[in-house]
Amino acid sequence: LTVAAVYAALRDEGSALWYGLALAALALGIG
């Protein structure tokens, strides 16, 4: 989940989808 958060943020170049995936992975990781 933490690697997924970094990967999604790295892919995010203005995309709402990748930003949302980064936040989702972060939230699930904390859970």
Full PDB file with SEQRES, HELIX, SHEET, SSBOND, CRYST1, ORIGX, SCALE, CONECT and MASTER records, all heavy atoms in Angstrom:
SEQRES   1 A   31  LEU THR VAL ALA ALA VAL TYR ALA ALA LEU ARG ASP GLU          
SEQRES   2 A   31  GLY SER ALA LEU TRP TYR GLY LEU ALA LEU ALA ALA LEU          
SEQRES   3 A   31  ALA LEU GLY ILE GLY                                          
HELIX    1 AA1 THR A    2  ARG A   11  1                                  10    
HELIX    2 AA2 ALA A   16  ILE A   30  1                                  15    
CRYST1    1.000    1.000    1.000  90.00  90.00  90.00 P 1           1          
ORIGX1      1.000000  0.000000  0.000000        0.00000                         
ORIGX2      0.000000  1.000000  0.000000        0.00000                         
ORIGX3      0.000000  0.000000  1.000000        0.00000                         
SCALE1      1.000000  0.000000  0.000000        0.00000                         
SCALE2      0.000000  1.000000  0.000000        0.00000                         
SCALE3      0.000000  0.000000  1.000000        0.00000                         
ATOM      1  N   LEU A   1       0.821  -1.213   0.000  1.00  0.00           N  
ATOM      2  CA  LEU A   1       0.000   0.000   0.000  1.00  0.00           C  
ATOM      3  C   LEU A   1       0.857   1.265   0.000  1.00  0.00           C  
ATOM      4  O   LEU A   1       0.526   2.249  -0.673  1.00  0.00           O  
ATOM      5  CB  LEU A   1      -0.936  -0.010   1.207  1.00  0.00           C  
ATOM      6  CG  LEU A   1      -2.063  -1.050   1.147  1.00  0.00           C  
ATOM      7  CD1 LEU A   1      -2.805  -1.123   2.477  1.00  0.00           C  
ATOM      8  CD2 LEU A   1      -3.035  -0.739   0.017  1.00  0.00           C  
ATOM      9  N   THR A   2       1.948   1.248   0.743  1.00  0.00           N  
ATOM     10  CA  THR A   2       2.806   2.438   0.752  1.00  0.00           C  
ATOM     11  C   THR A   2       3.536   2.604  -0.585  1.00  0.00           C  
ATOM     12  O   THR A   2       3.670   3.728  -1.081  1.00  0.00           O  
ATOM     13  CB  THR A   2       3.820   2.384   1.906  1.00  0.00           C  
ATOM     14  OG1 THR A   2       4.523   1.126   1.887  1.00  0.00           O  
ATOM     15  CG2 THR A   2       3.116   2.510   3.256  1.00  0.00           C  
ATOM     16  N   VAL A   3       3.999   1.501  -1.162  1.00  0.00           N  
ATOM     17  CA  VAL A   3       4.633   1.582  -2.484  1.00  0.00           C  
ATOM     18  C   VAL A   3       3.604   2.026  -3.519  1.00  0.00           C  
ATOM     19  O   VAL A   3       3.913   2.813  -4.430  1.00  0.00           O  
ATOM     20  CB  VAL A   3       5.255   0.227  -2.868  1.00  0.00           C  
ATOM     21  CG1 VAL A   3       5.735   0.245  -4.315  1.00  0.00           C  
ATOM     22  CG2 VAL A   3       6.434  -0.100  -1.958  1.00  0.00           C  
ATOM     23  N   ALA A   4       2.363   1.550  -3.383  1.00  0.00           N  
ATOM     24  CA  ALA A   4       1.304   1.955  -4.314  1.00  0.00           C  
ATOM     25  C   ALA A   4       1.032   3.448  -4.211  1.00  0.00           C  
ATOM     26  O   ALA A   4       0.788   4.125  -5.232  1.00  0.00           O  
ATOM     27  CB  ALA A   4       0.023   1.164  -4.025  1.00  0.00           C  
ATOM     28  N   ALA A   5       1.077   3.999  -2.997  1.00  0.00           N  
ATOM     29  CA  ALA A   5       0.868   5.439  -2.825  1.00  0.00           C  
ATOM     30  C   ALA A   5       1.953   6.227  -3.545  1.00  0.00           C  
ATOM     31  O   ALA A   5       1.676   7.228  -4.232  1.00  0.00           O  
ATOM     32  CB  ALA A   5       0.843   5.786  -1.333  1.00  0.00           C  
ATOM     33  N   VAL A   6       3.203   5.794  -3.413  1.00  0.00           N  
ATOM     34  CA  VAL A   6       4.307   6.477  -4.088  1.00  0.00           C  
ATOM     35  C   VAL A   6       4.187   6.329  -5.603  1.00  0.00           C  
ATOM     36  O   VAL A   6       4.368   7.294  -6.362  1.00  0.00           O  
ATOM     37  CB  VAL A   6       5.659   5.918  -3.597  1.00  0.00           C  
ATOM     38  CG1 VAL A   6       6.810   6.490  -4.428  1.00  0.00           C  
ATOM     39  CG2 VAL A   6       5.865   6.238  -2.121  1.00  0.00           C  
ATOM     40  N   TYR A   7       3.868   5.124  -6.062  1.00  0.00           N  
ATOM     41  CA  TYR A   7       3.748   4.884  -7.507  1.00  0.00           C  
ATOM     42  C   TYR A   7       2.658   5.756  -8.124  1.00  0.00           C  
ATOM     43  O   TYR A   7       2.854   6.375  -9.179  1.00  0.00           O  
ATOM     44  CB  TYR A   7       3.451   3.412  -7.763  1.00  0.00           C  
ATOM     45  CG  TYR A   7       3.279   3.071  -9.232  1.00  0.00           C  
ATOM     46  CD1 TYR A   7       4.382   2.926 -10.055  1.00  0.00           C  
ATOM     47  CD2 TYR A   7       2.017   2.904  -9.794  1.00  0.00           C  
ATOM     48  CE1 TYR A   7       4.241   2.625 -11.412  1.00  0.00           C  
ATOM     49  CE2 TYR A   7       1.854   2.605 -11.139  1.00  0.00           C  
ATOM     50  CZ  TYR A   7       2.971   2.471 -11.935  1.00  0.00           C  
ATOM     51  OH  TYR A   7       2.825   2.180 -13.275  1.00  0.00           O  
ATOM     52  N   ALA A   8       1.493   5.805  -7.456  1.00  0.00           N  
ATOM     53  CA  ALA A   8       0.385   6.602  -7.986  1.00  0.00           C  
ATOM     54  C   ALA A   8       0.747   8.088  -8.010  1.00  0.00           C  
ATOM     55  O   ALA A   8       0.436   8.802  -8.974  1.00  0.00           O  
ATOM     56  CB  ALA A   8      -0.872   6.366  -7.152  1.00  0.00           C  
ATOM     57  N   ALA A   9       1.408   8.566  -6.947  1.00  0.00           N  
ATOM     58  CA  ALA A   9       1.815   9.972  -6.918  1.00  0.00           C  
ATOM     59  C   ALA A   9       2.826  10.261  -8.019  1.00  0.00           C  
ATOM     60  O   ALA A   9       2.806  11.337  -8.641  1.00  0.00           O  
ATOM     61  CB  ALA A   9       2.395  10.317  -5.555  1.00  0.00           C  
ATOM     62  N   LEU A  10       3.710   9.307  -8.260  1.00  0.00           N  
ATOM     63  CA  LEU A  10       4.712   9.485  -9.314  1.00  0.00           C  
ATOM     64  C   LEU A  10       4.046   9.572 -10.687  1.00  0.00           C  
ATOM     65  O   LEU A  10       4.498  10.313 -11.564  1.00  0.00           O  
ATOM     66  CB  LEU A  10       5.702   8.316  -9.264  1.00  0.00           C  
ATOM     67  CG  LEU A  10       7.054   8.462  -9.943  1.00  0.00           C  
ATOM     68  CD1 LEU A  10       7.832   9.621  -9.350  1.00  0.00           C  
ATOM     69  CD2 LEU A  10       7.842   7.169  -9.812  1.00  0.00           C  
ATOM     70  N   ARG A  11       2.973   8.809 -10.873  1.00  0.00           N  
ATOM     71  CA  ARG A  11       2.251   8.828 -12.149  1.00  0.00           C  
ATOM     72  C   ARG A  11       1.352  10.051 -12.302  1.00  0.00           C  
ATOM     73  O   ARG A  11       0.895  10.359 -13.411  1.00  0.00           O  
ATOM     74  CB  ARG A  11       1.386   7.568 -12.275  1.00  0.00           C  
ATOM     75  CG  ARG A  11       2.135   6.254 -12.405  1.00  0.00           C  
ATOM     76  CD  ARG A  11       2.802   6.123 -13.759  1.00  0.00           C  
ATOM     77  NE  ARG A  11       1.875   6.241 -14.875  1.00  0.00           N  
ATOM     78  CZ  ARG A  11       1.264   5.201 -15.459  1.00  0.00           C  
ATOM     79  NH1 ARG A  11       1.486   3.969 -14.996  1.00  0.00           N  
ATOM     80  NH2 ARG A  11       0.455   5.378 -16.480  1.00  0.00           N  
ATOM     81  N   ASP A  12       1.084  10.716 -11.192  1.00  0.00           N  
ATOM     82  CA  ASP A  12       0.154  11.849 -11.205  1.00  0.00           C  
ATOM     83  C   ASP A  12       0.814  13.094 -11.798  1.00  0.00           C  
ATOM     84  O   ASP A  12       1.666  13.710 -11.168  1.00  0.00           O  
ATOM     85  CB  ASP A  12      -0.332  12.131  -9.779  1.00  0.00           C  
ATOM     86  CG  ASP A  12      -1.242  13.345  -9.705  1.00  0.00           C  
ATOM     87  OD1 ASP A  12      -1.769  13.756 -10.765  1.00  0.00           O  
ATOM     88  OD2 ASP A  12      -1.417  13.877  -8.595  1.00  0.00           O  
ATOM     89  N   GLU A  13       0.409  13.427 -12.979  1.00  0.00           N  
ATOM     90  CA  GLU A  13       0.892  14.649 -13.622  1.00  0.00           C  
ATOM     91  C   GLU A  13      -0.301  15.547 -13.927  1.00  0.00           C  
ATOM     92  O   GLU A  13      -0.470  16.046 -15.035  1.00  0.00           O  
ATOM     93  CB  GLU A  13       1.671  14.300 -14.878  1.00  0.00           C  
ATOM     94  CG  GLU A  13       2.934  13.482 -14.590  1.00  0.00           C  
ATOM     95  CD  GLU A  13       3.690  13.086 -15.837  1.00  0.00           C  
ATOM     96  OE1 GLU A  13       3.168  13.368 -16.943  1.00  0.00           O  
ATOM     97  OE2 GLU A  13       4.785  12.511 -15.726  1.00  0.00           O  
ATOM     98  N   GLY A  14      -1.146  15.707 -12.909  1.00  0.00           N  
ATOM     99  CA  GLY A  14      -2.350  16.500 -13.071  1.00  0.00           C  
ATOM    100  C   GLY A  14      -3.603  15.668 -13.208  1.00  0.00           C  
ATOM    101  O   GLY A  14      -4.699  16.203 -13.407  1.00  0.00           O  
ATOM    102  N   SER A  15      -3.454  14.339 -13.077  1.00  0.00           N  
ATOM    103  CA  SER A  15      -4.585  13.420 -13.225  1.00  0.00           C  
ATOM    104  C   SER A  15      -5.324  13.245 -11.909  1.00  0.00           C  
ATOM    105  O   SER A  15      -4.728  12.865 -10.895  1.00  0.00           O  
ATOM    106  CB  SER A  15      -4.091  12.060 -13.723  1.00  0.00           C  
ATOM    107  OG  SER A  15      -5.081  11.074 -13.572  1.00  0.00           O  
ATOM    108  N   ALA A  16      -6.628  13.476 -11.925  1.00  0.00           N  
ATOM    109  CA  ALA A  16      -7.436  13.269 -10.721  1.00  0.00           C  
ATOM    110  C   ALA A  16      -7.462  11.796 -10.335  1.00  0.00           C  
ATOM    111  O   ALA A  16      -7.519  11.457  -9.153  1.00  0.00           O  
ATOM    112  CB  ALA A  16      -8.857  13.784 -10.952  1.00  0.00           C  
ATOM    113  N   LEU A  17      -7.403  10.911 -11.340  1.00  0.00           N  
ATOM    114  CA  LEU A  17      -7.442   9.472 -11.068  1.00  0.00           C  
ATOM    115  C   LEU A  17      -6.227   9.034 -10.267  1.00  0.00           C  
ATOM    116  O   LEU A  17      -6.353   8.379  -9.225  1.00  0.00           O  
ATOM    117  CB  LEU A  17      -7.503   8.697 -12.385  1.00  0.00           C  
ATOM    118  CG  LEU A  17      -7.395   7.165 -12.251  1.00  0.00           C  
ATOM    119  CD1 LEU A  17      -8.548   6.613 -11.413  1.00  0.00           C  
ATOM    120  CD2 LEU A  17      -7.351   6.508 -13.636  1.00  0.00           C  
ATOM    121  N   TRP A  18      -5.033   9.393 -10.737  1.00  0.00           N  
ATOM    122  CA  TRP A  18      -3.822   8.955 -10.037  1.00  0.00           C  
ATOM    123  C   TRP A  18      -3.697   9.608  -8.658  1.00  0.00           C  
ATOM    124  O   TRP A  18      -3.239   8.978  -7.703  1.00  0.00           O  
ATOM    125  CB  TRP A  18      -2.581   9.245 -10.878  1.00  0.00           C  
ATOM    126  CG  TRP A  18      -2.414   8.301 -12.018  1.00  0.00           C  
ATOM    127  CD1 TRP A  18      -2.526   8.576 -13.348  1.00  0.00           C  
ATOM    128  CD2 TRP A  18      -2.119   6.890 -11.933  1.00  0.00           C  
ATOM    129  NE1 TRP A  18      -2.319   7.448 -14.100  1.00  0.00           N  
ATOM    130  CE2 TRP A  18      -2.065   6.394 -13.254  1.00  0.00           C  
ATOM    131  CE3 TRP A  18      -1.904   6.013 -10.883  1.00  0.00           C  
ATOM    132  CZ2 TRP A  18      -1.799   5.057 -13.539  1.00  0.00           C  
ATOM    133  CZ3 TRP A  18      -1.634   4.682 -11.155  1.00  0.00           C  
ATOM    134  CH2 TRP A  18      -1.584   4.203 -12.470  1.00  0.00           C  
ATOM    135  N   TYR A  19      -4.126  10.855  -8.562  1.00  0.00           N  
ATOM    136  CA  TYR A  19      -4.096  11.518  -7.254  1.00  0.00           C  
ATOM    137  C   TYR A  19      -5.052  10.830  -6.288  1.00  0.00           C  
ATOM    138  O   TYR A  19      -4.711  10.591  -5.119  1.00  0.00           O  
ATOM    139  CB  TYR A  19      -4.478  12.988  -7.411  1.00  0.00           C  
ATOM    140  CG  TYR A  19      -4.401  13.788  -6.123  1.00  0.00           C  
ATOM    141  CD1 TYR A  19      -3.226  13.848  -5.381  1.00  0.00           C  
ATOM    142  CD2 TYR A  19      -5.511  14.485  -5.658  1.00  0.00           C  
ATOM    143  CE1 TYR A  19      -3.154  14.583  -4.202  1.00  0.00           C  
ATOM    144  CE2 TYR A  19      -5.451  15.224  -4.476  1.00  0.00           C  
ATOM    145  CZ  TYR A  19      -4.271  15.277  -3.762  1.00  0.00           C  
ATOM    146  OH  TYR A  19      -4.210  16.000  -2.597  1.00  0.00           O  
ATOM    147  N   GLY A  20      -6.235  10.491  -6.772  1.00  0.00           N  
ATOM    148  CA  GLY A  20      -7.197   9.777  -5.935  1.00  0.00           C  
ATOM    149  C   GLY A  20      -6.675   8.418  -5.509  1.00  0.00           C  
ATOM    150  O   GLY A  20      -6.866   8.002  -4.355  1.00  0.00           O  
ATOM    151  N   LEU A  21      -5.992   7.719  -6.417  1.00  0.00           N  
ATOM    152  CA  LEU A  21      -5.413   6.416  -6.070  1.00  0.00           C  
ATOM    153  C   LEU A  21      -4.312   6.571  -5.024  1.00  0.00           C  
ATOM    154  O   LEU A  21      -4.176   5.723  -4.118  1.00  0.00           O  
ATOM    155  CB  LEU A  21      -4.861   5.735  -7.323  1.00  0.00           C  
ATOM    156  CG  LEU A  21      -5.902   5.229  -8.328  1.00  0.00           C  
ATOM    157  CD1 LEU A  21      -5.222   4.715  -9.588  1.00  0.00           C  
ATOM    158  CD2 LEU A  21      -6.753   4.119  -7.699  1.00  0.00           C  
ATOM    159  N   ALA A  22      -3.510   7.627  -5.128  1.00  0.00           N  
ATOM    160  CA  ALA A  22      -2.453   7.865  -4.140  1.00  0.00           C  
ATOM    161  C   ALA A  22      -3.057   8.086  -2.757  1.00  0.00           C  
ATOM    162  O   ALA A  22      -2.587   7.514  -1.757  1.00  0.00           O  
ATOM    163  CB  ALA A  22      -1.601   9.057  -4.553  1.00  0.00           C  
ATOM    164  N   LEU A  23      -4.116   8.905  -2.682  1.00  0.00           N  
ATOM    165  CA  LEU A  23      -4.762   9.165  -1.396  1.00  0.00           C  
ATOM    166  C   LEU A  23      -5.452   7.916  -0.863  1.00  0.00           C  
ATOM    167  O   LEU A  23      -5.431   7.646   0.348  1.00  0.00           O  
ATOM    168  CB  LEU A  23      -5.773  10.301  -1.542  1.00  0.00           C  
ATOM    169  CG  LEU A  23      -5.210  11.686  -1.888  1.00  0.00           C  
ATOM    170  CD1 LEU A  23      -6.337  12.711  -1.917  1.00  0.00           C  
ATOM    171  CD2 LEU A  23      -4.130  12.108  -0.905  1.00  0.00           C  
ATOM    172  N   ALA A  24      -6.064   7.128  -1.760  1.00  0.00           N  
ATOM    173  CA  ALA A  24      -6.739   5.900  -1.330  1.00  0.00           C  
ATOM    174  C   ALA A  24      -5.737   4.902  -0.758  1.00  0.00           C  
ATOM    175  O   ALA A  24      -5.987   4.269   0.284  1.00  0.00           O  
ATOM    176  CB  ALA A  24      -7.497   5.285  -2.505  1.00  0.00           C  
ATOM    177  N   ALA A  25      -4.589   4.744  -1.441  1.00  0.00           N  
ATOM    178  CA  ALA A  25      -3.562   3.819  -0.945  1.00  0.00           C  
ATOM    179  C   ALA A  25      -3.027   4.290   0.399  1.00  0.00           C  
ATOM    180  O   ALA A  25      -2.789   3.477   1.314  1.00  0.00           O  
ATOM    181  CB  ALA A  25      -2.425   3.701  -1.962  1.00  0.00           C  
ATOM    182  N   LEU A  26      -2.849   5.594   0.536  1.00  0.00           N  
ATOM    183  CA  LEU A  26      -2.377   6.151   1.809  1.00  0.00           C  
ATOM    184  C   LEU A  26      -3.384   5.873   2.925  1.00  0.00           C  
ATOM    185  O   LEU A  26      -3.004   5.422   4.022  1.00  0.00           O  
ATOM    186  CB  LEU A  26      -2.164   7.652   1.660  1.00  0.00           C  
ATOM    187  CG  LEU A  26      -1.833   8.447   2.935  1.00  0.00           C  
ATOM    188  CD1 LEU A  26      -0.515   7.986   3.533  1.00  0.00           C  
ATOM    189  CD2 LEU A  26      -1.794   9.943   2.634  1.00  0.00           C  
ATOM    190  N   ALA A  27      -4.673   6.121   2.671  1.00  0.00           N  
ATOM    191  CA  ALA A  27      -5.704   5.914   3.686  1.00  0.00           C  
ATOM    192  C   ALA A  27      -5.835   4.441   4.063  1.00  0.00           C  
ATOM    193  O   ALA A  27      -5.953   4.090   5.243  1.00  0.00           O  
ATOM    194  CB  ALA A  27      -7.046   6.450   3.180  1.00  0.00           C  
ATOM    195  N   LEU A  28      -5.794   3.562   3.066  1.00  0.00           N  
ATOM    196  CA  LEU A  28      -5.876   2.126   3.355  1.00  0.00           C  
ATOM    197  C   LEU A  28      -4.651   1.660   4.133  1.00  0.00           C  
ATOM    198  O   LEU A  28      -4.756   0.803   5.019  1.00  0.00           O  
ATOM    199  CB  LEU A  28      -5.996   1.342   2.049  1.00  0.00           C  
ATOM    200  CG  LEU A  28      -7.347   1.432   1.339  1.00  0.00           C  
ATOM    201  CD1 LEU A  28      -7.270   0.777  -0.039  1.00  0.00           C  
ATOM    202  CD2 LEU A  28      -8.448   0.775   2.179  1.00  0.00           C  
ATOM    203  N   GLY A  29      -3.485   2.208   3.791  1.00  0.00           N  
ATOM    204  CA  GLY A  29      -2.278   1.857   4.530  1.00  0.00           C  
ATOM    205  C   GLY A  29      -2.388   2.230   5.993  1.00  0.00           C  
ATOM    206  O   GLY A  29      -2.054   1.440   6.883  1.00  0.00           O  
ATOM    207  N   ILE A  30      -2.873   3.426   6.270  1.00  0.00           N  
ATOM    208  CA  ILE A  30      -3.040   3.864   7.659  1.00  0.00           C  
ATOM    209  C   ILE A  30      -4.075   2.995   8.359  1.00  0.00           C  
ATOM    210  O   ILE A  30      -3.932   2.665   9.545  1.00  0.00           O  
ATOM    211  CB  ILE A  30      -3.434   5.346   7.694  1.00  0.00           C  
ATOM    212  CG1 ILE A  30      -2.264   6.201   7.188  1.00  0.00           C  
ATOM    213  CG2 ILE A  30      -3.827   5.779   9.108  1.00  0.00           C  
ATOM    214  CD1 ILE A  30      -2.610   7.656   6.972  1.00  0.00           C  
ATOM    215  N   GLY A  31      -5.104   2.577   7.633  1.00  0.00           N  
ATOM    216  CA  GLY A  31      -6.078   1.659   8.219  1.00  0.00           C  
ATOM    217  C   GLY A  31      -5.483   0.300   8.522  1.00  0.00           C  
ATOM    218  O   GLY A  31      -5.875  -0.364   9.483  1.00  0.00           O  
TER     219      GLY A  31                                                      
MASTER        0    0    0    2    0    0    0    6  218    1    0    3          
END                                                                             
